[in-house]
Protein backbone atom coordinates (compact mmCIF):
# COMPACT_ATOMS: atom_id res chain seq x y z
CA MET A 1 -84.75 106.82 120.28
CA THR A 2 -84.60 105.59 116.67
CA GLU A 3 -87.86 105.24 114.72
CA THR A 4 -87.79 104.29 111.07
CA ARG A 5 -90.13 102.48 108.71
CA ILE A 6 -90.12 101.34 105.13
CA GLN A 7 -93.09 103.12 103.50
CA PRO A 8 -95.87 100.52 102.84
CA ARG A 9 -97.76 100.31 99.66
CA PRO A 10 -101.02 102.42 99.59
CA SER A 11 -103.92 100.54 101.23
CA ALA A 12 -107.57 100.56 100.27
CA ALA A 13 -108.63 102.08 103.59
CA ARG A 14 -106.93 105.35 104.32
CA GLY A 15 -104.78 105.13 107.41
CA ALA A 16 -104.99 101.30 107.64
CA THR A 17 -102.27 98.79 107.08
CA ALA A 18 -103.04 96.52 104.18
CA PRO A 19 -102.69 92.80 104.94
CA GLN A 20 -99.75 92.44 102.54
CA ASP A 21 -97.88 95.15 104.50
CA ARG A 22 -98.27 93.64 107.89
CA ALA A 23 -95.25 92.32 109.73
CA ASP A 24 -94.50 88.58 110.01
CA LEU A 25 -92.60 89.21 113.24
CA VAL A 26 -92.47 92.07 115.78
CA LEU A 27 -90.04 92.16 118.69
CA THR A 28 -91.01 94.81 121.18
CA GLY A 29 -90.94 95.76 124.88
CA GLY A 30 -87.21 95.97 125.46
CA PRO A 31 -84.03 97.73 124.54
CA VAL A 32 -82.64 97.35 121.02
CA PHE A 33 -78.95 97.91 120.31
CA THR A 34 -78.90 98.89 116.64
CA GLY A 35 -75.07 98.56 116.31
CA ASP A 36 -74.80 101.54 113.94
CA ALA A 37 -71.86 103.94 113.96
CA ALA A 38 -73.72 106.20 116.45
CA ARG A 39 -74.34 103.23 118.76
CA SER A 40 -78.01 104.29 118.74
CA TRP A 41 -80.84 102.56 120.57
CA THR A 42 -84.50 101.89 119.87
CA ASP A 43 -87.22 99.77 121.41
CA ALA A 44 -88.89 97.54 118.77
CA VAL A 45 -88.32 95.88 115.38
CA ALA A 46 -90.77 94.71 112.72
CA VAL A 47 -89.85 92.03 110.13
CA ARG A 48 -91.52 91.09 106.88
CA ALA A 49 -90.28 88.53 104.31
CA GLY A 50 -86.99 88.13 106.16
CA ARG A 51 -86.11 91.84 106.19
CA ILE A 52 -86.48 94.57 108.83
CA VAL A 53 -89.28 96.89 107.75
CA ALA A 54 -89.58 99.16 110.79
CA VAL A 55 -87.73 100.13 114.00
CA GLY A 56 -89.19 101.97 116.97
CA ALA A 57 -92.31 100.92 118.82
CA PRO A 58 -94.89 103.19 117.13
CA ALA A 59 -93.83 102.22 113.60
CA ALA A 60 -93.27 98.52 114.44
CA ARG A 61 -96.47 97.95 116.41
CA ALA A 62 -98.57 99.61 113.60
CA LEU A 63 -97.56 96.67 111.44
CA ILE A 64 -99.00 94.01 113.76
CA GLY A 65 -101.79 92.00 112.21
CA PRO A 66 -103.71 88.79 113.02
CA GLY A 67 -100.90 86.66 111.58
CA THR A 68 -98.00 88.57 113.20
CA GLU A 69 -95.83 86.71 115.66
CA VAL A 70 -95.09 89.13 118.54
CA VAL A 71 -92.07 88.48 120.78
CA GLU A 72 -92.29 90.41 123.99
CA LEU A 73 -88.76 91.21 125.03
CA ALA A 74 -89.76 92.11 128.57
CA GLY A 75 -86.61 94.08 129.09
CA ARG A 76 -84.28 91.65 127.33
CA LEU A 77 -81.75 93.09 124.92
CA LEU A 78 -82.16 92.61 121.20
CA VAL A 79 -78.91 92.82 119.22
CA PRO A 80 -77.80 92.13 115.65
CA GLY A 81 -76.86 88.53 115.13
CA PHE A 82 -73.21 87.97 116.05
CA VAL A 83 -70.76 87.55 113.14
CA ASP A 84 -67.63 85.55 114.13
CA ALA A 85 -64.63 86.93 112.16
CA HIS A 86 -62.49 83.84 112.58
CA ALA A 87 -63.84 80.37 113.35
CA HIS A 88 -63.54 76.74 112.32
CA PRO A 89 -67.03 75.24 112.84
CA VAL A 90 -66.38 72.11 110.75
CA PHE A 91 -63.41 71.29 112.97
CA GLY A 92 -65.39 72.17 116.11
CA GLY A 93 -68.34 70.04 115.11
CA LEU A 94 -66.11 67.11 114.18
CA GLU A 95 -64.30 67.37 117.51
CA ARG A 96 -67.52 67.10 119.42
CA ALA A 97 -68.11 63.70 117.84
CA ARG A 98 -64.53 62.47 118.46
CA CYS A 99 -62.24 62.21 121.50
CA ASP A 100 -62.99 65.67 122.92
CA LEU A 101 -60.45 66.94 125.47
CA LEU A 102 -61.68 70.54 125.67
CA GLY A 103 -63.12 69.96 129.17
CA ALA A 104 -59.89 68.38 130.52
CA THR A 105 -58.24 70.16 133.42
CA GLY A 106 -54.84 68.46 133.40
CA PRO A 107 -52.77 65.43 132.27
CA ARG A 108 -54.74 62.88 134.41
CA ALA A 109 -58.10 64.11 133.11
CA CYS A 110 -56.75 63.99 129.52
CA ALA A 111 -55.65 60.34 130.00
CA GLU A 112 -58.87 59.36 131.58
CA LEU A 113 -60.90 60.88 128.73
CA VAL A 114 -58.75 59.17 126.04
CA GLY A 115 -58.95 55.84 127.77
CA ALA A 116 -62.69 56.02 128.20
CA TYR A 117 -63.16 57.05 124.59
CA ALA A 118 -61.08 54.12 123.37
CA LYS A 119 -63.15 51.72 125.43
CA ARG A 120 -66.36 53.12 124.05
CA HIS A 121 -65.13 52.76 120.47
CA PRO A 122 -63.18 49.49 120.13
CA GLU A 123 -64.17 49.36 116.41
CA ARG A 124 -62.18 52.50 115.47
CA PRO A 125 -58.66 51.72 114.24
CA TRP A 126 -57.32 55.09 115.47
CA VAL A 127 -58.14 57.24 118.48
CA VAL A 128 -58.45 60.68 116.99
CA GLY A 129 -59.55 63.96 118.53
CA GLY A 130 -58.08 66.91 120.29
CA GLY A 131 -58.54 69.92 122.54
CA TRP A 132 -55.70 69.43 125.07
CA SER A 133 -54.14 72.64 126.41
CA MET A 134 -50.34 73.18 126.35
CA ASP A 135 -50.32 74.79 129.80
CA HIS A 136 -51.43 71.48 131.38
CA PHE A 137 -48.02 69.87 130.54
CA PRO A 138 -44.40 70.64 131.39
CA SER A 139 -42.99 72.92 128.71
CA GLY A 140 -46.27 72.56 126.81
CA ALA A 141 -45.25 69.10 125.56
CA PRO A 142 -47.18 65.94 126.69
CA ASP A 143 -45.36 62.60 126.33
CA ARG A 144 -46.23 59.42 124.50
CA ALA A 145 -45.91 57.26 127.60
CA THR A 146 -49.07 58.73 129.10
CA LEU A 147 -51.00 57.70 125.98
CA ASP A 148 -49.29 54.30 125.80
CA ALA A 149 -50.61 53.53 129.26
CA VAL A 150 -54.24 53.95 128.33
CA VAL A 151 -54.18 52.97 124.61
CA PRO A 152 -51.32 50.55 123.95
CA ASP A 153 -52.90 48.69 121.03
CA ARG A 154 -53.97 51.43 118.64
CA PRO A 155 -52.37 54.61 117.29
CA VAL A 156 -53.50 57.89 118.92
CA PHE A 157 -53.47 61.31 117.28
CA LEU A 158 -54.76 64.32 119.30
CA LEU A 159 -54.46 67.88 118.05
CA ASN A 160 -53.89 70.50 120.69
CA ARG A 161 -56.42 73.24 121.36
CA ASP A 162 -54.76 75.80 119.08
CA ARG A 163 -54.19 73.35 116.19
CA HIS A 164 -50.48 74.03 116.12
CA GLY A 165 -49.39 70.65 117.20
CA ALA A 166 -50.36 67.04 117.99
CA TRP A 167 -49.88 64.50 120.82
CA VAL A 168 -49.32 60.96 119.65
CA ASN A 169 -48.51 57.62 121.21
CA SER A 170 -45.64 55.27 120.44
CA LEU A 171 -47.61 53.18 117.93
CA ALA A 172 -48.51 56.30 115.89
CA LEU A 173 -44.83 57.24 115.77
CA ARG A 174 -43.84 53.78 114.59
CA LEU A 175 -46.57 53.66 111.92
CA ALA A 176 -45.32 56.98 110.61
CA GLY A 177 -41.71 55.88 110.62
CA ILE A 178 -40.70 58.69 113.03
CA ASP A 179 -37.58 57.94 115.12
CA ARG A 180 -34.44 59.67 116.38
CA ASP A 181 -33.06 59.88 112.88
CA THR A 182 -36.13 61.59 111.40
CA PRO A 183 -35.29 65.21 110.52
CA ASP A 184 -37.59 68.08 111.54
CA PRO A 185 -39.64 69.32 108.58
CA ALA A 186 -38.96 72.86 107.45
CA ASP A 187 -42.24 74.09 108.95
CA GLY A 188 -42.27 72.17 112.23
CA ARG A 189 -40.45 70.48 115.03
CA ILE A 190 -40.40 67.05 116.64
CA GLU A 191 -40.18 67.26 120.38
CA ARG A 192 -37.28 65.01 121.50
CA ALA A 193 -35.49 63.58 124.50
CA ALA A 194 -31.84 64.25 125.09
CA ASP A 195 -30.88 61.33 122.85
CA GLY A 196 -33.09 62.47 120.00
CA THR A 197 -35.90 60.02 120.59
CA PRO A 198 -39.36 61.56 119.80
CA THR A 199 -41.23 62.16 123.03
CA GLY A 200 -44.77 62.28 121.54
CA THR A 201 -45.44 66.01 120.75
CA LEU A 202 -45.25 67.13 117.15
CA HIS A 203 -45.24 70.89 116.56
CA GLU A 204 -46.71 72.61 113.50
CA GLY A 205 -45.90 70.87 110.15
CA ALA A 206 -44.37 67.86 112.00
CA ALA A 207 -47.91 66.77 112.87
CA ASP A 208 -48.47 66.14 109.20
CA LEU A 209 -45.91 63.28 109.42
CA VAL A 210 -48.59 61.32 111.33
CA ALA A 211 -51.74 63.04 110.07
CA ARG A 212 -51.21 61.75 106.54
CA HIS A 213 -51.75 58.15 107.89
CA LEU A 214 -55.17 58.83 109.52
CA PRO A 215 -58.30 57.17 108.21
CA ALA A 216 -60.09 59.38 105.72
CA ILE A 217 -63.06 61.46 106.89
CA THR A 218 -66.13 60.79 104.74
CA ALA A 219 -68.27 63.43 103.09
CA ASP A 220 -71.21 62.54 105.31
CA GLU A 221 -69.07 62.95 108.46
CA TYR A 222 -67.98 66.35 107.28
CA GLU A 223 -71.48 67.57 106.54
CA GLU A 224 -72.73 66.27 109.94
CA ALA A 225 -69.82 68.09 111.58
CA LEU A 226 -70.68 71.36 109.84
CA LEU A 227 -74.34 71.03 110.89
CA GLU A 228 -73.29 70.36 114.45
CA GLY A 229 -70.91 73.35 114.39
CA GLN A 230 -73.62 75.53 112.97
CA ARG A 231 -76.08 74.42 115.60
CA HIS A 232 -73.62 75.27 118.37
CA LEU A 233 -72.88 78.71 116.87
CA HIS A 234 -76.63 79.53 116.46
CA SER A 235 -77.14 78.57 120.11
CA LEU A 236 -74.73 81.36 120.97
CA GLY A 237 -76.43 83.95 118.81
CA VAL A 238 -73.97 83.63 115.93
CA THR A 239 -75.70 84.15 112.53
CA GLY A 240 -72.59 84.45 110.32
CA TRP A 241 -68.96 83.75 110.34
CA GLN A 242 -65.73 83.62 108.34
CA ASP A 243 -64.40 80.11 108.17
CA ALA A 244 -60.69 80.77 108.49
CA LEU A 245 -59.49 77.67 106.72
CA ILE A 246 -61.02 76.22 103.56
CA GLY A 247 -58.50 73.70 102.42
CA ALA A 248 -56.74 70.53 103.63
CA TYR A 249 -54.89 71.04 106.91
CA LEU A 250 -53.24 68.46 109.19
CA SER A 251 -55.78 65.67 109.62
CA TYR A 252 -58.65 67.61 108.11
CA PRO A 253 -59.74 67.41 104.45
CA ASP A 254 -60.91 70.41 102.51
CA PRO A 255 -64.41 71.54 103.81
CA LEU A 256 -65.36 73.35 100.62
CA ASP A 257 -67.64 70.58 99.29
CA ALA A 258 -69.38 70.26 102.64
CA TYR A 259 -70.24 73.96 102.57
CA ARG A 260 -71.31 73.82 98.97
CA SER A 261 -73.57 70.83 99.53
CA LEU A 262 -75.37 72.26 102.61
CA ALA A 263 -75.58 75.75 101.06
CA GLY A 264 -77.13 74.24 97.95
CA SER A 265 -79.70 72.26 99.92
CA GLY A 266 -80.67 75.22 102.12
CA LEU A 267 -79.37 73.56 105.27
CA LEU A 268 -76.64 76.19 105.69
CA THR A 269 -78.52 78.92 107.65
CA GLY A 270 -75.45 80.87 108.70
CA ARG A 271 -73.93 83.46 106.33
CA VAL A 272 -70.45 82.27 105.65
CA THR A 273 -67.36 83.70 103.95
CA GLY A 274 -64.71 81.04 103.39
CA ALA A 275 -61.00 81.80 103.54
CA LEU A 276 -59.26 79.62 100.94
CA TRP A 277 -55.96 78.17 102.14
CA TRP A 278 -52.74 79.57 100.61
CA ASP A 279 -50.31 76.75 100.02
CA ARG A 280 -47.03 78.13 101.37
CA GLU A 281 -45.07 75.48 99.51
CA ARG A 282 -46.10 77.14 96.20
CA GLY A 283 -46.31 80.66 94.95
CA VAL A 284 -48.44 82.86 92.75
CA GLU A 285 -48.88 80.06 90.26
CA GLN A 286 -51.74 78.77 92.46
CA LEU A 287 -53.72 81.96 91.86
CA PRO A 288 -55.81 80.55 88.91
CA GLU A 289 -56.85 77.60 91.10
CA LEU A 290 -58.03 79.96 93.81
CA VAL A 291 -59.95 82.07 91.34
CA GLU A 292 -61.63 78.90 90.11
CA ARG A 293 -62.53 77.79 93.64
CA ARG A 294 -63.94 81.26 94.36
CA GLU A 295 -66.11 81.10 91.24
CA ARG A 296 -67.76 77.76 92.18
CA SER A 297 -68.23 78.73 95.81
CA HIS A 298 -71.11 81.12 95.37
CA VAL A 299 -73.88 78.86 96.55
CA GLY A 300 -76.76 79.94 98.83
CA ARG A 301 -75.38 81.73 101.88
CA PHE A 302 -71.81 80.62 101.23
CA ARG A 303 -69.03 82.21 99.22
CA ALA A 304 -65.23 81.95 99.39
CA THR A 305 -63.84 85.34 98.51
CA THR A 306 -60.97 85.37 100.98
CA VAL A 307 -57.56 83.69 101.08
CA LYS A 308 -55.92 82.65 104.34
CA VAL A 309 -52.18 83.21 104.62
CA MET A 310 -50.56 81.72 107.73
CA GLN A 311 -47.38 83.75 108.29
CA ASP A 312 -46.19 82.34 111.57
CA GLY A 313 -47.01 79.91 114.38
CA VAL A 314 -47.60 80.50 118.12
CA CYS A 315 -45.47 81.84 121.00
CA GLU A 316 -45.87 78.80 123.17
CA ASN A 317 -43.77 76.55 120.92
CA PHE A 318 -41.46 79.36 119.73
CA THR A 319 -42.82 79.42 116.13
CA ALA A 320 -44.46 82.89 116.34
CA ALA A 321 -42.27 85.28 114.33
CA LEU A 322 -40.68 87.89 116.60
CA LEU A 323 -38.61 90.94 115.76
CA THR A 324 -36.04 89.92 118.39
CA PRO A 325 -35.26 86.44 119.79
CA TYR A 326 -37.17 84.69 122.49
CA LEU A 327 -35.57 84.74 125.98
CA HIS A 328 -34.05 81.67 127.57
CA GLY A 329 -36.81 80.44 129.86
CA PRO A 330 -36.48 78.19 132.92
CA GLY A 331 -35.12 74.74 132.02
CA HIS A 332 -34.17 75.75 128.49
CA ASP A 333 -30.46 75.80 127.65
CA ALA A 334 -30.64 76.21 123.82
CA SER A 335 -31.77 79.51 122.39
CA PRO A 336 -35.34 79.19 121.07
CA GLY A 337 -34.53 81.65 118.22
CA SER A 338 -36.93 84.21 116.92
CA GLY A 339 -39.61 82.03 115.36
CA HIS A 340 -40.68 81.21 111.83
CA SER A 341 -41.94 83.44 109.05
CA TYR A 342 -43.45 80.83 106.78
CA LEU A 343 -43.18 83.15 103.77
CA THR A 344 -40.21 85.42 103.26
CA PRO A 345 -41.08 89.08 102.96
CA ALA A 346 -40.48 88.95 99.25
CA GLU A 347 -42.70 85.91 98.86
CA LEU A 348 -45.41 87.43 101.02
CA ASN A 349 -45.29 90.73 99.05
CA ARG A 350 -45.73 88.89 95.73
CA ALA A 351 -48.57 86.76 97.13
CA VAL A 352 -50.54 89.62 98.67
CA THR A 353 -50.06 91.87 95.60
CA ALA A 354 -51.36 89.08 93.35
CA LEU A 355 -54.27 88.31 95.57
CA ASP A 356 -55.23 91.91 96.04
CA GLY A 357 -55.04 92.47 92.27
CA ALA A 358 -57.36 89.52 91.77
CA GLY A 359 -59.91 91.02 94.13
CA PHE A 360 -59.33 88.63 97.06
CA GLN A 361 -59.48 89.66 100.66
CA VAL A 362 -56.41 88.39 102.56
CA HIS A 363 -56.87 86.96 106.07
CA PHE A 364 -53.49 86.73 107.73
CA HIS A 365 -52.57 84.53 110.73
CA THR A 366 -50.14 86.89 112.58
CA ILE A 367 -49.18 86.15 116.21
CA GLY A 368 -45.71 87.69 116.58
CA ASP A 369 -44.65 91.28 116.05
CA ARG A 370 -42.47 90.39 113.08
CA ALA A 371 -45.36 88.57 111.39
CA VAL A 372 -47.62 91.56 111.99
CA ARG A 373 -45.06 93.92 110.47
CA GLU A 374 -44.44 91.62 107.47
CA ALA A 375 -48.20 91.44 106.79
CA LEU A 376 -48.63 95.21 107.06
CA ASP A 377 -45.64 95.69 104.77
CA ALA A 378 -47.21 93.30 102.22
CA ILE A 379 -50.49 95.19 102.25
CA GLU A 380 -48.57 98.43 101.81
CA ALA A 381 -46.65 96.98 98.83
CA ALA A 382 -49.94 95.83 97.25
CA GLU A 383 -51.48 99.25 97.78
CA GLU A 384 -48.50 100.92 96.07
CA VAL A 385 -48.86 98.60 93.08
CA ARG A 386 -52.59 99.34 92.89
CA ARG A 387 -52.02 103.10 93.14
CA ASP A 388 -49.41 102.94 90.34
CA THR A 389 -51.62 100.83 88.06
CA PRO A 390 -53.81 102.92 85.83
CA GLY A 391 -57.46 102.10 86.25
CA ALA A 392 -56.89 99.59 89.05
CA SER A 393 -58.85 101.65 91.60
CA GLY A 394 -61.98 101.24 89.59
CA ALA A 395 -61.67 97.51 88.86
CA GLY A 396 -64.35 95.66 90.76
CA HIS A 397 -63.83 96.15 94.49
CA HIS A 398 -60.07 96.49 94.34
CA GLY A 399 -59.00 98.84 97.03
CA ASP A 400 -61.83 97.70 99.17
CA ASN A 401 -60.74 94.10 99.83
CA ARG A 402 -60.73 94.68 103.61
CA HIS A 403 -57.64 92.71 104.43
CA HIS A 404 -57.32 91.73 108.12
CA LEU A 405 -54.73 90.41 110.52
CA ALA A 406 -55.99 87.71 112.85
CA HIS A 407 -54.74 87.09 116.42
CA ILE A 408 -52.33 90.09 116.69
CA GLN A 409 -50.92 88.86 119.98
CA LEU A 410 -47.77 91.04 119.73
CA VAL A 411 -47.86 94.43 117.93
CA HIS A 412 -44.87 96.72 117.96
CA PRO A 413 -45.95 100.28 118.96
CA ASP A 414 -44.65 101.60 115.65
CA ASP A 415 -47.14 99.37 113.82
CA VAL A 416 -50.27 100.23 115.77
CA PRO A 417 -51.11 103.36 113.69
CA ARG A 418 -50.44 101.49 110.47
CA PHE A 419 -53.75 99.51 110.72
CA ARG A 420 -55.76 102.71 110.26
CA LYS A 421 -53.37 104.15 107.60
CA LEU A 422 -53.56 100.93 105.60
CA ARG A 423 -57.35 100.40 106.16
CA THR A 424 -56.44 96.99 107.65
CA THR A 425 -58.74 95.47 110.26
CA ALA A 426 -57.42 94.07 113.56
CA ASN A 427 -59.14 90.67 113.89
CA MET A 428 -58.90 90.02 117.63
CA GLN A 429 -59.59 86.86 119.66
CA PRO A 430 -60.43 88.49 123.01
CA LEU A 431 -60.55 85.31 125.08
CA TRP A 432 -56.76 85.03 124.82
CA ALA A 433 -56.16 88.38 126.51
CA VAL A 434 -56.03 87.06 130.04
CA CYS A 435 -53.38 86.00 132.56
CA ASP A 436 -53.90 82.33 132.60
CA GLU A 437 -51.33 79.49 133.08
CA GLN A 438 -50.55 79.44 129.42
CA MET A 439 -49.67 83.11 129.55
CA SER A 440 -47.71 82.98 132.87
CA GLU A 441 -45.88 79.70 132.29
CA LEU A 442 -45.43 79.39 128.50
CA THR A 443 -45.41 82.93 127.14
CA VAL A 444 -44.26 85.71 129.52
CA PRO A 445 -41.03 83.93 130.61
CA PHE A 446 -39.96 83.70 126.97
CA LEU A 447 -41.07 87.18 125.95
CA GLY A 448 -39.91 89.26 128.93
CA ASP A 449 -41.87 91.94 130.62
CA GLU A 450 -41.33 94.69 128.00
CA ARG A 451 -42.72 92.56 125.15
CA ALA A 452 -45.36 90.89 127.34
CA ALA A 453 -46.85 94.39 127.88
CA ARG A 454 -47.48 94.69 124.15
CA GLN A 455 -49.88 91.77 123.94
CA TYR A 456 -53.43 92.08 122.68
CA VAL A 457 -53.40 95.91 122.53
CA PHE A 458 -57.03 96.25 121.63
CA GLY A 459 -57.36 99.62 123.42
CA ALA A 460 -54.40 101.14 121.67
CA LEU A 461 -55.64 99.96 118.27
CA ARG A 462 -59.13 101.36 118.92
CA ALA A 463 -57.61 104.70 120.12
CA SER A 464 -55.52 104.85 116.95
CA GLY A 465 -58.68 104.63 114.75
CA ALA A 466 -58.23 101.00 113.68
CA THR A 467 -61.26 98.90 112.86
CA LEU A 468 -61.66 96.05 115.37
CA ALA A 469 -63.45 92.82 114.46
CA ALA A 470 -63.72 89.90 116.86
CA GLY A 471 -63.59 86.15 116.37
CA SER A 472 -63.44 83.06 118.57
CA ASP A 473 -61.07 80.77 116.67
CA TRP A 474 -63.43 77.98 117.90
CA PRO A 475 -62.59 75.19 118.66
CA VAL A 476 -59.25 76.70 119.77
CA SER A 477 -61.28 78.62 122.38
CA SER A 478 -64.94 79.02 123.22
CA ALA A 479 -67.27 80.14 120.48
CA ASP A 480 -69.33 82.20 122.92
CA PRO A 481 -69.26 85.87 121.82
CA LEU A 482 -70.48 87.03 125.22
CA ALA A 483 -67.51 85.36 126.88
CA GLY A 484 -65.27 87.13 124.42
CA ILE A 485 -67.01 90.50 125.06
CA HIS A 486 -66.59 89.86 128.77
CA VAL A 487 -62.84 89.52 128.38
CA ALA A 488 -62.50 92.46 126.00
CA VAL A 489 -64.22 94.66 128.57
CA ASN A 490 -62.69 93.24 131.81
CA ARG A 491 -59.41 91.64 130.60
CA THR A 492 -60.20 88.79 133.02
CA MET A 493 -61.55 85.29 132.40
CA PRO A 494 -65.25 84.85 133.37
CA GLY A 495 -65.50 83.82 136.98
CA ILE A 496 -62.38 85.70 138.03
CA GLY A 497 -62.82 88.86 140.06
CA PRO A 498 -61.96 92.37 139.06
CA ASP A 499 -58.65 92.47 140.85
CA THR A 500 -56.60 90.47 138.34
CA PRO A 501 -56.99 92.08 134.92
CA PHE A 502 -54.40 91.51 132.22
CA LEU A 503 -53.06 94.87 130.92
CA PRO A 504 -56.21 96.67 131.95
CA GLU A 505 -55.36 99.78 129.99
CA GLN A 506 -56.21 97.77 126.85
CA ARG A 507 -59.86 97.30 127.84
CA LEU A 508 -62.67 98.11 125.45
CA LEU A 509 -66.03 99.71 126.20
CA LEU A 510 -68.95 97.29 126.12
CA ALA A 511 -70.51 99.02 123.11
CA ASP A 512 -67.30 98.84 121.11
CA ALA A 513 -66.76 95.15 122.03
CA LEU A 514 -70.34 94.38 120.96
CA ALA A 515 -69.82 96.23 117.71
CA ALA A 516 -66.65 94.15 117.01
CA TYR A 517 -68.83 91.04 117.11
CA THR A 518 -71.69 92.41 115.03
CA SER A 519 -71.21 95.28 112.60
CA ALA A 520 -67.46 94.89 112.22
CA GLY A 521 -67.86 91.17 111.59
CA ALA A 522 -70.39 91.84 108.87
CA TRP A 523 -68.05 94.50 107.40
CA ILE A 524 -65.18 92.03 107.28
CA ASN A 525 -67.36 89.70 105.26
CA HIS A 526 -68.60 92.38 102.89
CA LEU A 527 -72.08 91.86 104.30
CA ASP A 528 -72.51 95.26 105.98
CA HIS A 529 -75.07 96.26 103.34
CA VAL A 530 -77.42 93.46 104.40
CA THR A 531 -76.68 92.58 108.02
CA GLY A 532 -74.58 93.47 111.14
CA THR A 533 -76.82 96.38 112.23
CA ILE A 534 -80.54 96.76 112.85
CA ALA A 535 -81.99 99.03 110.22
CA PRO A 536 -84.86 98.94 107.75
CA GLY A 537 -84.04 96.99 104.60
CA LYS A 538 -81.43 94.76 106.30
CA TYR A 539 -81.90 91.02 106.91
CA ALA A 540 -83.53 90.16 110.24
CA ASP A 541 -80.46 88.33 111.54
CA LEU A 542 -81.01 88.91 115.27
CA ALA A 543 -80.26 87.56 118.76
CA VAL A 544 -82.37 88.06 121.89
CA LEU A 545 -80.33 87.99 125.10
CA ASP A 546 -81.74 86.95 128.41
CA ARG A 547 -80.93 90.29 130.02
CA ASN A 548 -79.54 93.67 129.19
CA PRO A 549 -75.83 93.54 130.08
CA PHE A 550 -75.57 97.36 129.90
CA ASP A 551 -77.73 97.46 133.02
CA GLU A 552 -75.59 94.94 134.89
CA SER A 553 -72.09 94.95 136.35
CA VAL A 554 -69.46 94.55 133.66
CA HIS A 555 -68.12 91.59 135.68
CA GLU A 556 -71.33 89.68 134.94
CA ILE A 557 -71.37 90.00 131.10
CA ALA A 558 -70.42 86.36 130.63
CA ASP A 559 -73.47 85.28 132.62
CA THR A 560 -75.64 86.45 129.76
CA ARG A 561 -77.33 83.75 127.63
CA VAL A 562 -78.92 83.83 124.21
CA ASP A 563 -82.70 83.11 124.38
CA LEU A 564 -83.50 83.34 120.62
CA THR A 565 -81.54 83.50 117.36
CA PHE A 566 -83.12 84.49 114.05
CA VAL A 567 -81.84 84.29 110.54
CA GLU A 568 -83.99 86.36 108.14
CA GLY A 569 -86.69 86.41 110.80
CA VAL A 570 -86.82 82.59 111.15
CA PRO A 571 -85.79 81.17 114.50
CA VAL A 572 -82.77 78.93 114.29
CA HIS A 573 -82.32 78.61 118.03
CA ARG A 574 -84.60 78.86 121.01
CA ARG A 575 -83.10 78.26 124.48
CA GLU A 576 -84.99 75.68 126.52
CA GLY A 577 -87.06 77.35 129.13
CA ALA A 578 -86.72 80.79 127.61
CA PRO A 579 -89.90 82.92 127.47
């Protein structure tokens, strides 16, 4: 059992605790997962002035005074606050206020939700929202006729769940001037009928052809969206995150000013690292702009010290970059090709070397095995330049930029050990590592069995010595860390029994999955010196769970709820009805 205490100032009465040394908050009477490298445990925590001052029941309880708030855990598990390594809370919060299709179970449900939303909001010139799932539609591509039937008089623009495409109606296509003669953009594809007529699905950059015509989102709307996103994350025990896209994207304006405004006013209670968007239409000439944006982003609990590079798309629409071509799936005559690398290897090497030299962390979007390899190659090229540059290793935090690859759906076996070798973090989204309809209908048939068995190789990466961090990609998938931990441990979706795991050899231990959502998330954000584990001197960013999942069946992890969330010892969430 761990017991540590920050030494108090000498008190007037020998052996007594002076009033100024008493704790503001003590949590006791239950197990405490500290999250440190040893995965050690203790049984109480004391907090003063926002920081942990003691761990272990004797040391913590000695600091209780008349004004101390005491939280009796009563067997509930106390953990470090979750840190989501890849999320989009502004988008998620905004979607909750728009036409939200996340709960839809199929085409009919989508149409009903869209129609009902349009009737509730006749004043809105566009019907805008998203959250539909590709696996609910043939070939992952819904058609405009379904939307025309429920909203014939206004344009409709609905982003899909993974933000790699949009579903639009006929009026939206006409307003954007998209017809059979419109060429596909370089970074996207218009889904078409046999005669070339657009059918209503726009993949990747093709969605921008319509998105540029949407009504502008106001600053107030964006700030409200961020507050709603933060509220939702806090309700799930999340106290910090990396916002994986700070820049304009599809129908979304740049959220930087919303973060700066709320951070400056103190309303941003989460600790946030922003990933500035790398414009793939430009090159290293944009570096001074990114440096300037970084410099003005240090406000309150927010800073933008990362740059997001999207290197490929997703497997479901054949835009993820693969080392070998996609297979011909059922009903597909034309070869899907081998996907898109949005930056050539030479362009990517130049970008990453420049960013690394300027002290930026690089956050890569890498789904396919070719994208993963290209990103690792670029990190290796940057490391070689740094090693060959006199004095570079001592310049700021160069060499400790903590680059990470997000999504990592396909990793070639030759590249697994390179994560540890290059000190590159595998930023995983565990909820995707299941055999659902999207996997069985839209992915495996086009990858083939051999490649399909290389998906989401969390266990292999862990065994190789790689650092694993975890993120939700919310609103692409649920923001609930406990649901993600459940999948990482079981390789099944919550509610599905133990007999259908997806590549069960890639499972993680519960302690390792929990660390990926806590200490590793803090490490990714360069916050490991102040949060991510429970230790004296660190901020009291904490979450109280309603049970101890280590004492339950691993198949019940997702049933766990968060009773309390603290940031610097101040409650930012209290579950209704919780003790």
